[in-house]
Amino acid sequence: MLSDTPHSRPLPVGVYTTDPTVGARYAMEPNDYTGPTGMIGVASQQMMDERIPAASLWVSVPHYVSSPPNPKAQDALLTELETLLRVQLDHAEIPEEAVKWSSAVDQLSRQDPDIAEYIGQLEEARDAEQVEGATGDTIAAELEKFLRRQTGDDSR
């Protein structure tokens, strides 16, 4: 999903469902979006109509570098999926590709002062948002997620 997220910060992943059972089981946010949609929205609606549980994961990608592939987005989605399903997926090479991707975007942005300034503004806004939204629970949850990834522990 294209957004005003800076490439130099973790890319936010949203996990949504319209099914209350799935939401409770996986601690997902309810999906109450109304507005324009694409194939995911159509498929989710069809599944809901057929009473088939469904969920979706969305990663916010910087609108100023939206062309695929985006290994940083891939890594964010796969990491979130691992956490949700409590499994280990083989994506060990993707973080290295994500670092290369970020470096390439850094290098390109330094060539255009207006873009570099814009990215700086996005970074400041994101950092302020992170500090504002930080609570003991959110910090503890992020720390637990980080430690699980480091140790390979998939228990909650």
N, C-alpha and C. Protein backbone atom coordinates (compact mmCIF):
# COMPACT_ATOMS: atom_id res chain seq x y z
N MET A 1 0.85 -1.16 0.00
CA MET A 1 0.00 0.00 0.00
C MET A 1 0.90 1.23 0.00
N LEU A 2 0.71 2.10 -0.96
CA LEU A 2 1.51 3.32 -1.04
C LEU A 2 1.14 4.25 0.10
N SER A 3 2.16 4.80 0.75
CA SER A 3 1.89 5.71 1.86
C SER A 3 3.04 6.71 2.01
N ASP A 4 2.90 7.56 3.01
CA ASP A 4 3.92 8.56 3.26
C ASP A 4 4.92 8.07 4.30
N THR A 5 5.24 6.82 4.26
CA THR A 5 6.23 6.25 5.17
C THR A 5 7.62 6.39 4.57
N PRO A 6 8.61 6.76 5.37
CA PRO A 6 9.97 6.89 4.83
C PRO A 6 10.63 5.52 4.68
N HIS A 7 11.42 5.37 3.65
CA HIS A 7 12.10 4.10 3.38
C HIS A 7 13.14 3.76 4.44
N SER A 8 13.58 4.77 5.18
CA SER A 8 14.66 4.62 6.15
C SER A 8 14.17 4.16 7.53
N ARG A 9 12.89 3.94 7.67
CA ARG A 9 12.32 3.48 8.94
C ARG A 9 11.65 2.13 8.69
N PRO A 10 11.36 1.38 9.75
CA PRO A 10 10.64 0.12 9.55
C PRO A 10 9.31 0.39 8.83
N LEU A 11 8.99 -0.47 7.88
CA LEU A 11 7.74 -0.31 7.13
C LEU A 11 6.60 -0.91 7.94
N PRO A 12 5.57 -0.12 8.23
CA PRO A 12 4.46 -0.62 9.05
C PRO A 12 3.65 -1.67 8.31
N VAL A 13 3.25 -2.69 9.05
CA VAL A 13 2.41 -3.75 8.50
C VAL A 13 1.09 -3.74 9.27
N GLY A 14 0.01 -3.72 8.53
CA GLY A 14 -1.32 -3.81 9.13
C GLY A 14 -1.88 -5.20 8.88
N VAL A 15 -2.53 -5.74 9.89
CA VAL A 15 -3.13 -7.06 9.81
C VAL A 15 -4.60 -6.89 10.14
N TYR A 16 -5.46 -7.30 9.20
CA TYR A 16 -6.89 -7.02 9.34
C TYR A 16 -7.74 -8.24 9.02
N THR A 17 -8.93 -8.26 9.61
CA THR A 17 -9.91 -9.28 9.30
C THR A 17 -11.30 -8.74 9.57
N THR A 18 -12.27 -9.32 8.91
CA THR A 18 -13.67 -9.00 9.21
C THR A 18 -14.29 -10.10 10.06
N ASP A 19 -13.54 -11.17 10.28
CA ASP A 19 -14.04 -12.31 11.04
C ASP A 19 -13.63 -12.18 12.51
N PRO A 20 -14.60 -12.08 13.42
CA PRO A 20 -14.25 -11.89 14.83
C PRO A 20 -13.47 -13.06 15.44
N THR A 21 -13.71 -14.28 14.96
CA THR A 21 -12.98 -15.44 15.47
C THR A 21 -11.51 -15.37 15.08
N VAL A 22 -11.25 -15.05 13.82
CA VAL A 22 -9.88 -14.90 13.33
C VAL A 22 -9.21 -13.74 14.06
N GLY A 23 -9.94 -12.66 14.23
CA GLY A 23 -9.39 -11.49 14.91
C GLY A 23 -8.97 -11.79 16.33
N ALA A 24 -9.81 -12.53 17.05
CA ALA A 24 -9.48 -12.87 18.43
C ALA A 24 -8.31 -13.86 18.49
N ARG A 25 -8.30 -14.82 17.59
CA ARG A 25 -7.25 -15.85 17.62
C ARG A 25 -5.87 -15.26 17.32
N TYR A 26 -5.81 -14.33 16.39
CA TYR A 26 -4.52 -13.78 15.95
C TYR A 26 -4.30 -12.34 16.38
N ALA A 27 -5.13 -11.82 17.26
CA ALA A 27 -5.01 -10.43 17.75
C ALA A 27 -4.94 -9.44 16.59
N MET A 28 -5.86 -9.58 15.66
CA MET A 28 -5.93 -8.71 14.49
C MET A 28 -6.92 -7.58 14.71
N GLU A 29 -6.66 -6.49 14.06
CA GLU A 29 -7.58 -5.36 14.11
C GLU A 29 -8.78 -5.66 13.21
N PRO A 30 -9.98 -5.22 13.63
CA PRO A 30 -11.12 -5.40 12.74
C PRO A 30 -10.97 -4.51 11.51
N ASN A 31 -11.41 -5.00 10.39
CA ASN A 31 -11.32 -4.24 9.14
C ASN A 31 -12.65 -3.54 8.93
N ASP A 32 -12.67 -2.25 9.16
CA ASP A 32 -13.89 -1.48 8.97
C ASP A 32 -13.74 -0.45 7.86
N TYR A 33 -12.82 -0.73 6.95
CA TYR A 33 -12.54 0.19 5.84
C TYR A 33 -13.74 0.28 4.90
N THR A 34 -14.05 1.49 4.51
CA THR A 34 -15.02 1.72 3.44
C THR A 34 -14.38 2.69 2.47
N GLY A 35 -14.55 2.42 1.20
CA GLY A 35 -13.96 3.28 0.19
C GLY A 35 -13.54 2.46 -1.01
N PRO A 36 -12.75 3.06 -1.88
CA PRO A 36 -12.30 2.33 -3.07
C PRO A 36 -11.53 1.07 -2.66
N THR A 37 -11.65 0.06 -3.46
CA THR A 37 -10.98 -1.20 -3.15
C THR A 37 -10.41 -1.84 -4.41
N GLY A 38 -9.70 -2.89 -4.20
CA GLY A 38 -9.10 -3.65 -5.30
C GLY A 38 -9.49 -5.12 -5.17
N MET A 39 -8.69 -5.96 -5.77
CA MET A 39 -9.00 -7.39 -5.77
C MET A 39 -9.01 -7.98 -4.36
N ILE A 40 -8.14 -7.53 -3.50
CA ILE A 40 -8.12 -8.07 -2.13
C ILE A 40 -9.44 -7.78 -1.44
N GLY A 41 -9.93 -6.57 -1.58
CA GLY A 41 -11.21 -6.21 -0.98
C GLY A 41 -12.36 -7.01 -1.55
N VAL A 42 -12.36 -7.20 -2.85
CA VAL A 42 -13.41 -7.98 -3.50
C VAL A 42 -13.36 -9.43 -3.03
N ALA A 43 -12.15 -10.01 -3.01
CA ALA A 43 -12.00 -11.40 -2.57
C ALA A 43 -12.40 -11.55 -1.10
N SER A 44 -12.00 -10.61 -0.26
CA SER A 44 -12.36 -10.67 1.17
C SER A 44 -13.87 -10.59 1.35
N GLN A 45 -14.52 -9.71 0.61
CA GLN A 45 -15.97 -9.59 0.70
C GLN A 45 -16.65 -10.87 0.27
N GLN A 46 -16.17 -11.46 -0.82
CA GLN A 46 -16.74 -12.72 -1.32
C GLN A 46 -16.57 -13.84 -0.28
N MET A 47 -15.40 -13.88 0.33
CA MET A 47 -15.16 -14.91 1.35
C MET A 47 -16.05 -14.68 2.56
N MET A 48 -16.23 -13.43 2.95
CA MET A 48 -17.11 -13.12 4.07
C MET A 48 -18.55 -13.55 3.75
N ASP A 49 -18.99 -13.25 2.52
CA ASP A 49 -20.34 -13.64 2.10
C ASP A 49 -20.52 -15.15 2.14
N GLU A 50 -19.46 -15.89 1.86
CA GLU A 50 -19.52 -17.36 1.86
C GLU A 50 -19.17 -17.94 3.23
N ARG A 51 -18.97 -17.07 4.21
CA ARG A 51 -18.61 -17.46 5.58
C ARG A 51 -17.29 -18.23 5.65
N ILE A 52 -16.34 -17.80 4.83
CA ILE A 52 -14.99 -18.35 4.84
C ILE A 52 -14.10 -17.35 5.57
N PRO A 53 -13.47 -17.76 6.68
CA PRO A 53 -12.62 -16.82 7.42
C PRO A 53 -11.48 -16.31 6.53
N ALA A 54 -11.22 -15.02 6.64
CA ALA A 54 -10.16 -14.42 5.82
C ALA A 54 -9.49 -13.30 6.60
N ALA A 55 -8.26 -13.04 6.23
CA ALA A 55 -7.49 -11.95 6.82
C ALA A 55 -6.58 -11.40 5.73
N SER A 56 -6.07 -10.21 5.96
CA SER A 56 -5.12 -9.63 5.00
C SER A 56 -4.01 -8.91 5.75
N LEU A 57 -2.84 -8.93 5.14
CA LEU A 57 -1.68 -8.21 5.65
C LEU A 57 -1.33 -7.16 4.61
N TRP A 58 -1.10 -5.94 5.09
CA TRP A 58 -0.74 -4.84 4.21
C TRP A 58 0.53 -4.20 4.73
N VAL A 59 1.45 -3.93 3.85
CA VAL A 59 2.65 -3.20 4.24
C VAL A 59 2.60 -1.83 3.58
N SER A 60 2.92 -0.82 4.36
CA SER A 60 2.97 0.54 3.83
C SER A 60 4.34 0.75 3.19
N VAL A 61 4.34 1.08 1.91
CA VAL A 61 5.59 1.31 1.20
C VAL A 61 5.67 2.79 0.80
N PRO A 62 6.88 3.32 0.77
CA PRO A 62 7.05 4.73 0.41
C PRO A 62 6.54 4.99 -1.01
N HIS A 63 5.68 5.98 -1.14
CA HIS A 63 5.10 6.29 -2.45
C HIS A 63 6.15 6.78 -3.43
N TYR A 64 7.25 7.32 -2.92
CA TYR A 64 8.27 7.88 -3.81
C TYR A 64 9.21 6.82 -4.37
N VAL A 65 9.12 5.59 -3.91
CA VAL A 65 9.86 4.45 -4.49
C VAL A 65 8.93 3.24 -4.50
N SER A 66 7.90 3.33 -5.29
CA SER A 66 6.85 2.32 -5.25
C SER A 66 7.04 1.16 -6.22
N SER A 67 8.01 1.25 -7.11
CA SER A 67 8.19 0.19 -8.10
C SER A 67 8.75 -1.08 -7.45
N PRO A 68 8.12 -2.22 -7.74
CA PRO A 68 8.68 -3.48 -7.23
C PRO A 68 9.95 -3.83 -7.97
N PRO A 69 10.77 -4.69 -7.41
CA PRO A 69 10.58 -5.35 -6.12
C PRO A 69 11.01 -4.45 -4.97
N ASN A 70 10.45 -4.74 -3.81
CA ASN A 70 10.80 -4.01 -2.60
C ASN A 70 11.10 -5.05 -1.52
N PRO A 71 12.37 -5.45 -1.41
CA PRO A 71 12.71 -6.49 -0.44
C PRO A 71 12.44 -6.08 1.00
N LYS A 72 12.48 -4.80 1.30
CA LYS A 72 12.19 -4.36 2.66
C LYS A 72 10.72 -4.63 3.00
N ALA A 73 9.83 -4.39 2.04
CA ALA A 73 8.41 -4.68 2.23
C ALA A 73 8.18 -6.19 2.32
N GLN A 74 8.86 -6.94 1.47
CA GLN A 74 8.73 -8.41 1.51
C GLN A 74 9.13 -8.92 2.89
N ASP A 75 10.25 -8.43 3.40
CA ASP A 75 10.74 -8.89 4.70
C ASP A 75 9.76 -8.52 5.81
N ALA A 76 9.20 -7.31 5.75
CA ALA A 76 8.24 -6.89 6.78
C ALA A 76 7.00 -7.79 6.77
N LEU A 77 6.49 -8.10 5.58
CA LEU A 77 5.31 -8.97 5.49
C LEU A 77 5.61 -10.38 5.99
N LEU A 78 6.74 -10.94 5.56
CA LEU A 78 7.08 -12.30 5.97
C LEU A 78 7.35 -12.38 7.47
N THR A 79 7.99 -11.37 8.02
CA THR A 79 8.25 -11.36 9.46
C THR A 79 6.95 -11.29 10.24
N GLU A 80 6.02 -10.46 9.79
CA GLU A 80 4.72 -10.36 10.46
C GLU A 80 3.95 -11.67 10.34
N LEU A 81 4.02 -12.30 9.18
CA LEU A 81 3.35 -13.58 8.98
C LEU A 81 3.93 -14.65 9.90
N GLU A 82 5.24 -14.66 10.05
CA GLU A 82 5.89 -15.60 10.97
C GLU A 82 5.37 -15.40 12.40
N THR A 83 5.26 -14.15 12.80
CA THR A 83 4.79 -13.85 14.15
C THR A 83 3.35 -14.31 14.33
N LEU A 84 2.52 -14.01 13.36
CA LEU A 84 1.10 -14.39 13.46
C LEU A 84 0.90 -15.90 13.51
N LEU A 85 1.57 -16.59 12.61
CA LEU A 85 1.36 -18.03 12.48
C LEU A 85 2.28 -18.86 13.36
N ARG A 86 3.23 -18.19 14.00
CA ARG A 86 4.21 -18.87 14.86
C ARG A 86 4.97 -19.95 14.08
N VAL A 87 5.48 -19.53 12.94
CA VAL A 87 6.28 -20.42 12.09
C VAL A 87 7.55 -19.70 11.69
N GLN A 88 8.50 -20.45 11.18
CA GLN A 88 9.72 -19.88 10.62
C GLN A 88 9.66 -20.08 9.11
N LEU A 89 9.80 -19.01 8.36
CA LEU A 89 9.83 -19.07 6.91
C LEU A 89 11.25 -18.82 6.43
N ASP A 90 11.59 -19.39 5.32
CA ASP A 90 12.94 -19.23 4.80
C ASP A 90 13.02 -17.95 3.96
N HIS A 91 13.44 -16.88 4.62
CA HIS A 91 13.64 -15.61 3.90
C HIS A 91 14.91 -14.94 4.40
N ALA A 92 15.89 -15.76 4.72
CA ALA A 92 17.14 -15.26 5.30
C ALA A 92 17.89 -14.30 4.37
N GLU A 93 17.74 -14.47 3.05
CA GLU A 93 18.47 -13.61 2.12
C GLU A 93 17.79 -12.25 1.92
N ILE A 94 16.54 -12.13 2.29
CA ILE A 94 15.80 -10.90 2.02
C ILE A 94 16.30 -9.71 2.84
N PRO A 95 16.62 -9.86 4.14
CA PRO A 95 17.12 -8.67 4.87
C PRO A 95 18.37 -8.06 4.23
N GLU A 96 19.25 -8.89 3.70
CA GLU A 96 20.44 -8.36 3.04
C GLU A 96 20.05 -7.57 1.78
N GLU A 97 19.09 -8.11 1.04
CA GLU A 97 18.58 -7.39 -0.14
C GLU A 97 17.89 -6.09 0.27
N ALA A 98 17.23 -6.11 1.41
CA ALA A 98 16.55 -4.90 1.90
C ALA A 98 17.57 -3.81 2.23
N VAL A 99 18.69 -4.19 2.82
CA VAL A 99 19.74 -3.22 3.13
C VAL A 99 20.28 -2.61 1.83
N LYS A 100 20.51 -3.44 0.82
CA LYS A 100 20.98 -2.94 -0.48
C LYS A 100 19.96 -1.99 -1.09
N TRP A 101 18.69 -2.37 -1.01
CA TRP A 101 17.61 -1.55 -1.56
C TRP A 101 17.59 -0.19 -0.86
N SER A 102 17.64 -0.20 0.48
CA SER A 102 17.63 1.06 1.24
C SER A 102 18.83 1.93 0.89
N SER A 103 20.00 1.31 0.74
CA SER A 103 21.20 2.06 0.38
C SER A 103 21.06 2.70 -1.00
N ALA A 104 20.47 1.96 -1.93
CA ALA A 104 20.27 2.50 -3.27
C ALA A 104 19.31 3.69 -3.24
N VAL A 105 18.24 3.59 -2.44
CA VAL A 105 17.30 4.71 -2.31
C VAL A 105 17.98 5.89 -1.64
N ASP A 106 18.80 5.63 -0.62
CA ASP A 106 19.57 6.71 0.03
C ASP A 106 20.43 7.44 -1.00
N GLN A 107 21.13 6.67 -1.79
CA GLN A 107 22.04 7.24 -2.78
C GLN A 107 21.27 8.08 -3.80
N LEU A 108 20.16 7.58 -4.29
CA LEU A 108 19.35 8.33 -5.24
C LEU A 108 18.79 9.61 -4.61
N SER A 109 18.34 9.51 -3.37
CA SER A 109 17.72 10.69 -2.74
C SER A 109 18.75 11.79 -2.48
N ARG A 110 20.00 11.41 -2.25
CA ARG A 110 21.04 12.43 -2.04
C ARG A 110 21.31 13.25 -3.30
N GLN A 111 20.91 12.73 -4.45
CA GLN A 111 21.13 13.44 -5.71
C GLN A 111 20.10 14.54 -5.94
N ASP A 112 19.01 14.52 -5.18
CA ASP A 112 17.97 15.53 -5.33
C ASP A 112 17.67 16.15 -3.97
N PRO A 113 18.11 17.38 -3.74
CA PRO A 113 17.92 18.01 -2.42
C PRO A 113 16.46 18.11 -1.99
N ASP A 114 15.55 18.31 -2.95
CA ASP A 114 14.14 18.40 -2.60
C ASP A 114 13.62 17.06 -2.07
N ILE A 115 14.01 15.99 -2.71
CA ILE A 115 13.59 14.66 -2.26
C ILE A 115 14.23 14.36 -0.91
N ALA A 116 15.50 14.66 -0.74
CA ALA A 116 16.18 14.43 0.54
C ALA A 116 15.49 15.20 1.67
N GLU A 117 15.11 16.43 1.39
CA GLU A 117 14.41 17.23 2.41
C GLU A 117 13.05 16.62 2.73
N TYR A 118 12.33 16.19 1.70
CA TYR A 118 11.02 15.57 1.90
C TYR A 118 11.15 14.30 2.75
N ILE A 119 12.13 13.47 2.45
CA ILE A 119 12.34 12.25 3.22
C ILE A 119 12.67 12.60 4.67
N GLY A 120 13.47 13.63 4.88
CA GLY A 120 13.78 14.09 6.23
C GLY A 120 12.52 14.49 7.00
N GLN A 121 11.59 15.16 6.32
CA GLN A 121 10.33 15.53 6.95
C GLN A 121 9.50 14.30 7.31
N LEU A 122 9.48 13.32 6.40
CA LEU A 122 8.76 12.08 6.69
C LEU A 122 9.38 11.36 7.89
N GLU A 123 10.70 11.36 7.95
CA GLU A 123 11.39 10.70 9.07
C GLU A 123 11.04 11.37 10.39
N GLU A 124 11.06 12.71 10.41
CA GLU A 124 10.72 13.44 11.63
C GLU A 124 9.29 13.15 12.06
N ALA A 125 8.38 13.14 11.11
CA ALA A 125 6.98 12.86 11.43
C ALA A 125 6.81 11.44 11.96
N ARG A 126 7.48 10.48 11.33
CA ARG A 126 7.37 9.08 11.77
C ARG A 126 7.97 8.91 13.16
N ASP A 127 9.12 9.52 13.40
CA ASP A 127 9.76 9.41 14.70
C ASP A 127 8.89 10.01 15.80
N ALA A 128 8.29 11.16 15.52
CA ALA A 128 7.41 11.80 16.50
C ALA A 128 6.18 10.93 16.77
N GLU A 129 5.66 10.33 15.73
CA GLU A 129 4.50 9.44 15.84
C GLU A 129 4.84 8.22 16.70
N GLN A 130 6.02 7.67 16.51
CA GLN A 130 6.45 6.50 17.28
C GLN A 130 6.59 6.84 18.75
N VAL A 131 7.17 8.00 19.05
CA VAL A 131 7.34 8.40 20.44
C VAL A 131 5.99 8.67 21.08
N GLU A 132 5.10 9.35 20.35
CA GLU A 132 3.78 9.69 20.86
C GLU A 132 2.96 8.44 21.15
N GLY A 133 3.05 7.44 20.27
CA GLY A 133 2.24 6.23 20.42
C GLY A 133 2.86 5.17 21.30
N ALA A 134 4.04 5.42 21.83
CA ALA A 134 4.72 4.40 22.64
C ALA A 134 4.08 4.29 24.02
N THR A 135 3.70 3.08 24.37
CA THR A 135 3.22 2.78 25.71
C THR A 135 4.03 1.61 26.22
N GLY A 136 3.90 1.33 27.49
CA GLY A 136 4.60 0.18 28.05
C GLY A 136 4.24 -1.11 27.33
N ASP A 137 2.95 -1.26 27.00
CA ASP A 137 2.49 -2.47 26.32
C ASP A 137 3.06 -2.58 24.91
N THR A 138 3.07 -1.46 24.16
CA THR A 138 3.58 -1.54 22.79
C THR A 138 5.08 -1.77 22.77
N ILE A 139 5.79 -1.16 23.70
CA ILE A 139 7.24 -1.37 23.77
C ILE A 139 7.53 -2.81 24.16
N ALA A 140 6.81 -3.36 25.13
CA ALA A 140 7.01 -4.75 25.55
C ALA A 140 6.69 -5.71 24.41
N ALA A 141 5.61 -5.45 23.66
CA ALA A 141 5.24 -6.33 22.55
C ALA A 141 6.31 -6.32 21.47
N GLU A 142 6.85 -5.14 21.16
CA GLU A 142 7.90 -5.05 20.15
C GLU A 142 9.17 -5.75 20.61
N LEU A 143 9.51 -5.61 21.89
CA LEU A 143 10.68 -6.28 22.44
C LEU A 143 10.51 -7.79 22.38
N GLU A 144 9.34 -8.28 22.74
CA GLU A 144 9.08 -9.73 22.68
C GLU A 144 9.19 -10.23 21.24
N LYS A 145 8.63 -9.49 20.31
CA LYS A 145 8.71 -9.88 18.90
C LYS A 145 10.16 -9.93 18.44
N PHE A 146 10.94 -8.93 18.82
CA PHE A 146 12.35 -8.89 18.46
C PHE A 146 13.09 -10.09 19.05
N LEU A 147 12.88 -10.36 20.33
CA LEU A 147 13.57 -11.47 20.97
C LEU A 147 13.19 -12.82 20.37
N ARG A 148 11.92 -12.99 20.01
CA ARG A 148 11.49 -14.24 19.35
C ARG A 148 12.23 -14.44 18.05
N ARG A 149 12.38 -13.36 17.28
CA ARG A 149 13.10 -13.46 16.00
C ARG A 149 14.56 -13.81 16.23
N GLN A 150 15.17 -13.26 17.29
CA GLN A 150 16.59 -13.51 17.55
C GLN A 150 16.84 -14.94 18.00
N THR A 151 15.92 -15.48 18.80
CA THR A 151 16.12 -16.82 19.36
C THR A 151 15.44 -17.91 18.56
N GLY A 152 14.58 -17.52 17.61
CA GLY A 152 13.84 -18.53 16.85
C GLY A 152 12.69 -19.12 17.65
N ASP A 153 12.37 -18.52 18.80
CA ASP A 153 11.28 -19.01 19.64
C ASP A 153 9.96 -18.53 19.06
N ASP A 154 9.09 -19.47 18.71
CA ASP A 154 7.81 -19.09 18.12
C ASP A 154 6.67 -19.16 19.11
N SER A 155 6.95 -19.32 20.39
CA SER A 155 5.88 -19.35 21.38
C SER A 155 5.52 -17.93 21.77
N ARG A 156 4.32 -17.77 22.27
CA ARG A 156 3.88 -16.44 22.70
C ARG A 156 3.87 -16.39 24.16
